[in-house]
């Protein structure tokens, strides 16, 4: 019962934040703490608002985000840059998917 109440409160809070961001024309990923993914063709991925790398190999990278685990598959991956807020991954990107 307490979990349902908590989920409803969080859903209401997120809706309020979304509307606030929309009214003030602020980036929703910043207000809602959502991941922002930018692809440069199939050669580079830039991810903002991550929560850490779970797994890294030359063929697969798993990154924790607020929305779940982002799974990136491809070839010859290497990290160009990693900070507390951003990850830049180079290589040949073949697919992206989310695991909840």
Foldseek 3Di string as FASTA:
>chain_A
DVVVVVVVVVVVVLVVQVVVCVVVVHDSCVSNLFWDWDDDQQFKIKIFSWDAWDDDDQAWTWTHHPVAIKIWGDGRWDWPDDDRTMTMIGDGTDDIDGDD
